[in-house]
Amino acid sequence: LMGYMINGEEFEYDDEKFLLEPNYNEEAPKVIAAEEGLNLTDEHWMVIEFLRRKYKEDGQTPNFRNFIKEMDEDHPGLDWKKKLYDLFPMQPARQAVRVAALPKPFGKGGY
């Protein structure tokens, strides 16, 4: 297994580069985003913090439909479907979870 180097420590990931264990370190998303070719903005962090909170509360991340719905409730006034694809062009319900340093979503991505 390979892994990401985060603060000089290696953290294992699976064959799709999802971490095996959640990592709530500030550095983790920066390292993973760099690997994905993303520059993290405040909006990326908004999504990362949302996903991390959901994971802590529910033990998993929401599927895309619920992801959009809940981002809408938390931060109204944006077209979150479009915004999530702008921020995480490689399947937001998966790429955003990977960049948030969380394990691979269940099934089609969460509940």
N, C-alpha and C. Protein backbone atom coordinates (compact mmCIF):
# COMPACT_ATOMS: atom_id res chain seq x y z
N LEU A 1 0.84 -1.22 0.00
CA LEU A 1 0.00 0.00 0.00
C LEU A 1 0.86 1.25 0.00
N MET A 2 0.40 2.22 -0.71
CA MET A 2 1.09 3.50 -0.74
C MET A 2 0.38 4.43 0.23
N GLY A 3 0.93 5.63 0.33
CA GLY A 3 0.29 6.58 1.22
C GLY A 3 0.70 8.00 0.91
N TYR A 4 0.06 8.92 1.61
CA TYR A 4 0.41 10.34 1.51
C TYR A 4 1.39 10.67 2.63
N MET A 5 2.38 11.51 2.32
CA MET A 5 3.26 12.01 3.37
C MET A 5 2.64 13.30 3.91
N ILE A 6 2.24 13.24 5.17
CA ILE A 6 1.60 14.38 5.81
C ILE A 6 2.41 14.71 7.07
N ASN A 7 2.98 15.91 7.10
CA ASN A 7 3.84 16.30 8.22
C ASN A 7 4.90 15.25 8.51
N GLY A 8 5.52 14.72 7.46
CA GLY A 8 6.62 13.78 7.63
C GLY A 8 6.20 12.37 8.04
N GLU A 9 4.90 12.12 8.09
CA GLU A 9 4.41 10.79 8.44
C GLU A 9 3.64 10.23 7.26
N GLU A 10 3.75 8.91 7.05
CA GLU A 10 3.03 8.32 5.93
C GLU A 10 1.69 7.77 6.38
N PHE A 11 0.64 8.12 5.62
CA PHE A 11 -0.70 7.63 5.91
C PHE A 11 -1.18 6.81 4.72
N GLU A 12 -1.57 5.57 4.98
CA GLU A 12 -1.91 4.64 3.91
C GLU A 12 -3.21 5.03 3.22
N TYR A 13 -3.24 4.78 1.91
CA TYR A 13 -4.48 4.93 1.16
C TYR A 13 -4.75 3.68 0.34
N ASP A 14 -6.01 3.57 -0.14
CA ASP A 14 -6.41 2.40 -0.92
C ASP A 14 -6.07 2.59 -2.39
N ASP A 15 -6.56 1.70 -3.23
CA ASP A 15 -6.21 1.75 -4.65
C ASP A 15 -6.80 2.96 -5.37
N GLU A 16 -7.75 3.65 -4.73
CA GLU A 16 -8.29 4.89 -5.32
C GLU A 16 -7.79 6.12 -4.59
N LYS A 17 -6.78 5.92 -3.76
CA LYS A 17 -6.13 7.00 -3.02
C LYS A 17 -7.03 7.64 -1.96
N PHE A 18 -7.99 6.89 -1.46
CA PHE A 18 -8.74 7.33 -0.28
C PHE A 18 -7.96 6.87 0.95
N LEU A 19 -7.82 7.73 1.94
CA LEU A 19 -7.17 7.32 3.18
C LEU A 19 -7.96 6.18 3.82
N LEU A 20 -7.24 5.28 4.48
CA LEU A 20 -7.92 4.17 5.15
C LEU A 20 -8.56 4.63 6.46
N GLU A 21 -7.96 5.63 7.09
CA GLU A 21 -8.49 6.20 8.32
C GLU A 21 -8.65 7.70 8.11
N PRO A 22 -9.68 8.31 8.72
CA PRO A 22 -9.82 9.77 8.58
C PRO A 22 -8.62 10.49 9.19
N ASN A 23 -8.24 11.58 8.58
CA ASN A 23 -7.14 12.39 9.11
C ASN A 23 -7.62 13.83 9.19
N TYR A 24 -7.75 14.34 10.41
CA TYR A 24 -8.33 15.69 10.59
C TYR A 24 -7.26 16.77 10.67
N ASN A 25 -6.02 16.40 10.38
CA ASN A 25 -4.93 17.37 10.36
C ASN A 25 -5.20 18.43 9.28
N GLU A 26 -4.84 19.68 9.57
CA GLU A 26 -4.98 20.78 8.60
C GLU A 26 -4.17 20.53 7.33
N GLU A 27 -3.03 19.85 7.49
CA GLU A 27 -2.13 19.64 6.36
C GLU A 27 -2.67 18.63 5.36
N ALA A 28 -3.45 17.66 5.85
CA ALA A 28 -3.85 16.52 5.02
C ALA A 28 -4.56 16.95 3.72
N PRO A 29 -5.59 17.81 3.80
CA PRO A 29 -6.24 18.21 2.55
C PRO A 29 -5.30 18.94 1.59
N LYS A 30 -4.35 19.70 2.13
CA LYS A 30 -3.41 20.43 1.27
C LYS A 30 -2.55 19.45 0.48
N VAL A 31 -2.07 18.41 1.17
CA VAL A 31 -1.23 17.41 0.53
C VAL A 31 -2.01 16.66 -0.55
N ILE A 32 -3.23 16.24 -0.21
CA ILE A 32 -4.04 15.45 -1.14
C ILE A 32 -4.48 16.33 -2.31
N ALA A 33 -4.89 17.56 -2.02
CA ALA A 33 -5.31 18.48 -3.08
C ALA A 33 -4.17 18.72 -4.07
N ALA A 34 -2.97 18.90 -3.55
CA ALA A 34 -1.81 19.13 -4.42
C ALA A 34 -1.63 17.95 -5.36
N GLU A 35 -1.79 16.74 -4.82
CA GLU A 35 -1.69 15.52 -5.60
C GLU A 35 -2.77 15.47 -6.70
N GLU A 36 -3.94 16.05 -6.39
CA GLU A 36 -5.07 16.05 -7.33
C GLU A 36 -5.00 17.26 -8.28
N GLY A 37 -4.01 18.11 -8.08
CA GLY A 37 -3.88 19.29 -8.93
C GLY A 37 -4.87 20.39 -8.60
N LEU A 38 -5.32 20.43 -7.34
CA LEU A 38 -6.28 21.47 -6.92
C LEU A 38 -5.59 22.48 -6.02
N ASN A 39 -5.96 23.74 -6.18
CA ASN A 39 -5.54 24.79 -5.25
C ASN A 39 -6.71 25.07 -4.33
N LEU A 40 -6.54 24.83 -3.04
CA LEU A 40 -7.65 24.98 -2.11
C LEU A 40 -7.98 26.45 -1.85
N THR A 41 -9.26 26.78 -2.02
CA THR A 41 -9.78 28.11 -1.73
C THR A 41 -10.64 28.03 -0.46
N ASP A 42 -11.14 29.17 -0.01
CA ASP A 42 -12.05 29.18 1.14
C ASP A 42 -13.27 28.31 0.87
N GLU A 43 -13.73 28.30 -0.37
CA GLU A 43 -14.90 27.48 -0.69
C GLU A 43 -14.59 25.99 -0.60
N HIS A 44 -13.38 25.60 -1.04
CA HIS A 44 -12.97 24.20 -0.85
C HIS A 44 -13.00 23.84 0.65
N TRP A 45 -12.44 24.74 1.47
CA TRP A 45 -12.38 24.46 2.92
C TRP A 45 -13.77 24.37 3.52
N MET A 46 -14.70 25.18 3.03
CA MET A 46 -16.09 25.13 3.50
C MET A 46 -16.64 23.71 3.29
N VAL A 47 -16.37 23.17 2.11
CA VAL A 47 -16.85 21.82 1.77
C VAL A 47 -16.10 20.77 2.61
N ILE A 48 -14.80 20.92 2.74
CA ILE A 48 -13.98 19.98 3.52
C ILE A 48 -14.48 19.94 4.97
N GLU A 49 -14.72 21.12 5.56
CA GLU A 49 -15.16 21.16 6.95
C GLU A 49 -16.55 20.55 7.10
N PHE A 50 -17.42 20.80 6.12
CA PHE A 50 -18.75 20.19 6.13
C PHE A 50 -18.63 18.67 6.11
N LEU A 51 -17.83 18.12 5.20
CA LEU A 51 -17.70 16.67 5.07
C LEU A 51 -17.07 16.04 6.32
N ARG A 52 -16.10 16.72 6.88
CA ARG A 52 -15.47 16.20 8.09
C ARG A 52 -16.47 16.16 9.24
N ARG A 53 -17.29 17.20 9.34
CA ARG A 53 -18.31 17.23 10.39
C ARG A 53 -19.32 16.09 10.19
N LYS A 54 -19.77 15.91 8.95
CA LYS A 54 -20.72 14.83 8.66
C LYS A 54 -20.12 13.47 9.00
N TYR A 55 -18.85 13.30 8.65
CA TYR A 55 -18.19 12.02 8.92
C TYR A 55 -18.11 11.76 10.42
N LYS A 56 -17.78 12.80 11.18
CA LYS A 56 -17.70 12.64 12.64
C LYS A 56 -19.07 12.31 13.22
N GLU A 57 -20.11 12.97 12.69
CA GLU A 57 -21.47 12.77 13.21
C GLU A 57 -22.06 11.44 12.78
N ASP A 58 -21.88 11.07 11.52
CA ASP A 58 -22.61 9.95 10.93
C ASP A 58 -21.74 8.73 10.62
N GLY A 59 -20.42 8.90 10.70
CA GLY A 59 -19.53 7.79 10.37
C GLY A 59 -19.42 7.54 8.87
N GLN A 60 -20.00 8.45 8.09
CA GLN A 60 -19.89 8.36 6.63
C GLN A 60 -20.23 9.73 6.04
N THR A 61 -20.03 9.85 4.75
CA THR A 61 -20.31 11.12 4.07
C THR A 61 -21.56 10.96 3.23
N PRO A 62 -22.27 12.09 2.96
CA PRO A 62 -23.53 12.01 2.22
C PRO A 62 -23.33 11.67 0.75
N ASN A 63 -24.34 11.07 0.15
CA ASN A 63 -24.31 10.89 -1.30
C ASN A 63 -24.49 12.26 -1.96
N PHE A 64 -24.35 12.30 -3.27
CA PHE A 64 -24.30 13.59 -3.96
C PHE A 64 -25.58 14.41 -3.75
N ARG A 65 -26.72 13.72 -3.83
CA ARG A 65 -28.00 14.43 -3.69
C ARG A 65 -28.11 15.10 -2.31
N ASN A 66 -27.78 14.34 -1.26
CA ASN A 66 -27.85 14.90 0.09
C ASN A 66 -26.75 15.94 0.33
N PHE A 67 -25.62 15.71 -0.29
CA PHE A 67 -24.49 16.63 -0.22
C PHE A 67 -24.94 18.02 -0.72
N ILE A 68 -25.56 18.06 -1.88
CA ILE A 68 -26.06 19.32 -2.46
C ILE A 68 -27.11 19.94 -1.54
N LYS A 69 -28.06 19.11 -1.11
CA LYS A 69 -29.17 19.58 -0.29
C LYS A 69 -28.64 20.21 1.00
N GLU A 70 -27.69 19.53 1.65
CA GLU A 70 -27.20 20.01 2.94
C GLU A 70 -26.28 21.22 2.80
N MET A 71 -25.50 21.28 1.73
CA MET A 71 -24.69 22.48 1.49
C MET A 71 -25.60 23.68 1.26
N ASP A 72 -26.70 23.44 0.55
CA ASP A 72 -27.72 24.48 0.32
C ASP A 72 -28.30 25.01 1.63
N GLU A 73 -28.59 24.09 2.54
CA GLU A 73 -29.15 24.49 3.83
C GLU A 73 -28.13 25.26 4.65
N ASP A 74 -26.87 24.81 4.62
CA ASP A 74 -25.81 25.46 5.41
C ASP A 74 -25.38 26.79 4.80
N HIS A 75 -25.33 26.85 3.49
CA HIS A 75 -24.83 28.04 2.79
C HIS A 75 -25.74 28.34 1.61
N PRO A 76 -26.93 28.90 1.90
CA PRO A 76 -27.90 29.14 0.82
C PRO A 76 -27.41 30.19 -0.17
N GLY A 77 -28.05 30.20 -1.33
CA GLY A 77 -27.77 31.25 -2.30
C GLY A 77 -26.76 30.88 -3.37
N LEU A 78 -26.20 29.68 -3.28
CA LEU A 78 -25.27 29.24 -4.32
C LEU A 78 -25.88 28.07 -5.06
N ASP A 79 -25.53 27.92 -6.32
CA ASP A 79 -25.91 26.73 -7.06
C ASP A 79 -24.87 25.66 -6.72
N TRP A 80 -25.16 24.89 -5.66
CA TRP A 80 -24.15 23.98 -5.12
C TRP A 80 -23.81 22.85 -6.07
N LYS A 81 -24.78 22.44 -6.88
CA LYS A 81 -24.46 21.35 -7.83
C LYS A 81 -23.34 21.82 -8.76
N LYS A 82 -23.52 22.99 -9.33
CA LYS A 82 -22.52 23.55 -10.23
C LYS A 82 -21.22 23.85 -9.46
N LYS A 83 -21.39 24.47 -8.30
CA LYS A 83 -20.24 24.87 -7.49
C LYS A 83 -19.37 23.67 -7.11
N LEU A 84 -20.00 22.57 -6.71
CA LEU A 84 -19.24 21.38 -6.32
C LEU A 84 -18.45 20.81 -7.48
N TYR A 85 -19.05 20.86 -8.68
CA TYR A 85 -18.32 20.39 -9.86
C TYR A 85 -17.20 21.36 -10.24
N ASP A 86 -17.40 22.66 -9.99
CA ASP A 86 -16.31 23.62 -10.23
C ASP A 86 -15.15 23.34 -9.28
N LEU A 87 -15.48 23.09 -8.02
CA LEU A 87 -14.45 22.91 -6.99
C LEU A 87 -13.76 21.55 -7.11
N PHE A 88 -14.56 20.52 -7.38
CA PHE A 88 -14.06 19.14 -7.40
C PHE A 88 -14.53 18.48 -8.70
N PRO A 89 -13.85 18.77 -9.80
CA PRO A 89 -14.35 18.33 -11.12
C PRO A 89 -14.41 16.81 -11.31
N MET A 90 -13.62 16.07 -10.54
CA MET A 90 -13.62 14.61 -10.69
C MET A 90 -14.63 13.97 -9.73
N GLN A 91 -15.92 14.06 -10.06
CA GLN A 91 -16.97 13.48 -9.20
C GLN A 91 -16.91 14.03 -7.78
N PRO A 92 -17.57 15.13 -7.52
CA PRO A 92 -17.47 15.79 -6.21
C PRO A 92 -17.76 14.88 -5.01
N ALA A 93 -18.75 14.00 -5.10
CA ALA A 93 -19.09 13.18 -3.94
C ALA A 93 -17.95 12.23 -3.59
N ARG A 94 -17.02 12.04 -4.52
CA ARG A 94 -15.85 11.21 -4.24
C ARG A 94 -14.60 12.06 -4.04
N GLN A 95 -14.33 12.93 -5.00
CA GLN A 95 -13.09 13.72 -4.92
C GLN A 95 -13.06 14.60 -3.68
N ALA A 96 -14.18 15.23 -3.35
CA ALA A 96 -14.20 16.10 -2.17
C ALA A 96 -13.94 15.30 -0.90
N VAL A 97 -14.47 14.08 -0.84
CA VAL A 97 -14.25 13.21 0.31
C VAL A 97 -12.77 12.82 0.40
N ARG A 98 -12.18 12.50 -0.75
CA ARG A 98 -10.76 12.14 -0.77
C ARG A 98 -9.92 13.32 -0.28
N VAL A 99 -10.20 14.51 -0.81
CA VAL A 99 -9.42 15.70 -0.43
C VAL A 99 -9.66 16.08 1.04
N ALA A 100 -10.85 15.78 1.55
CA ALA A 100 -11.13 16.05 2.96
C ALA A 100 -10.38 15.09 3.89
N ALA A 101 -9.62 14.16 3.30
CA ALA A 101 -8.81 13.19 4.04
C ALA A 101 -9.69 12.21 4.81
N LEU A 102 -10.78 11.81 4.15
CA LEU A 102 -11.71 10.85 4.75
C LEU A 102 -11.69 9.55 3.94
N PRO A 103 -12.08 8.44 4.57
CA PRO A 103 -12.10 7.16 3.85
C PRO A 103 -13.13 7.15 2.73
N LYS A 104 -13.00 6.15 1.86
CA LYS A 104 -13.87 6.03 0.69
C LYS A 104 -15.34 5.93 1.11
N PRO A 105 -16.20 6.68 0.40
CA PRO A 105 -17.64 6.60 0.71
C PRO A 105 -18.17 5.19 0.46
N PHE A 106 -19.20 4.83 1.21
CA PHE A 106 -19.89 3.55 1.01
C PHE A 106 -20.65 3.56 -0.29
N GLY A 107 -20.79 2.40 -0.90
CA GLY A 107 -21.66 2.24 -2.07
C GLY A 107 -21.49 3.34 -3.08
N LYS A 108 -22.59 4.02 -3.38
CA LYS A 108 -22.53 5.10 -4.37
C LYS A 108 -22.13 6.41 -3.71
N GLY A 109 -21.55 6.35 -2.54
CA GLY A 109 -21.12 7.58 -1.87
C GLY A 109 -22.07 8.00 -0.79
N GLY A 110 -22.06 7.27 0.30
CA GLY A 110 -22.76 7.74 1.49
C GLY A 110 -24.22 7.36 1.57
N TYR A 111 -24.93 8.13 2.37
CA TYR A 111 -26.32 7.78 2.70
C TYR A 111 -27.32 8.50 1.83
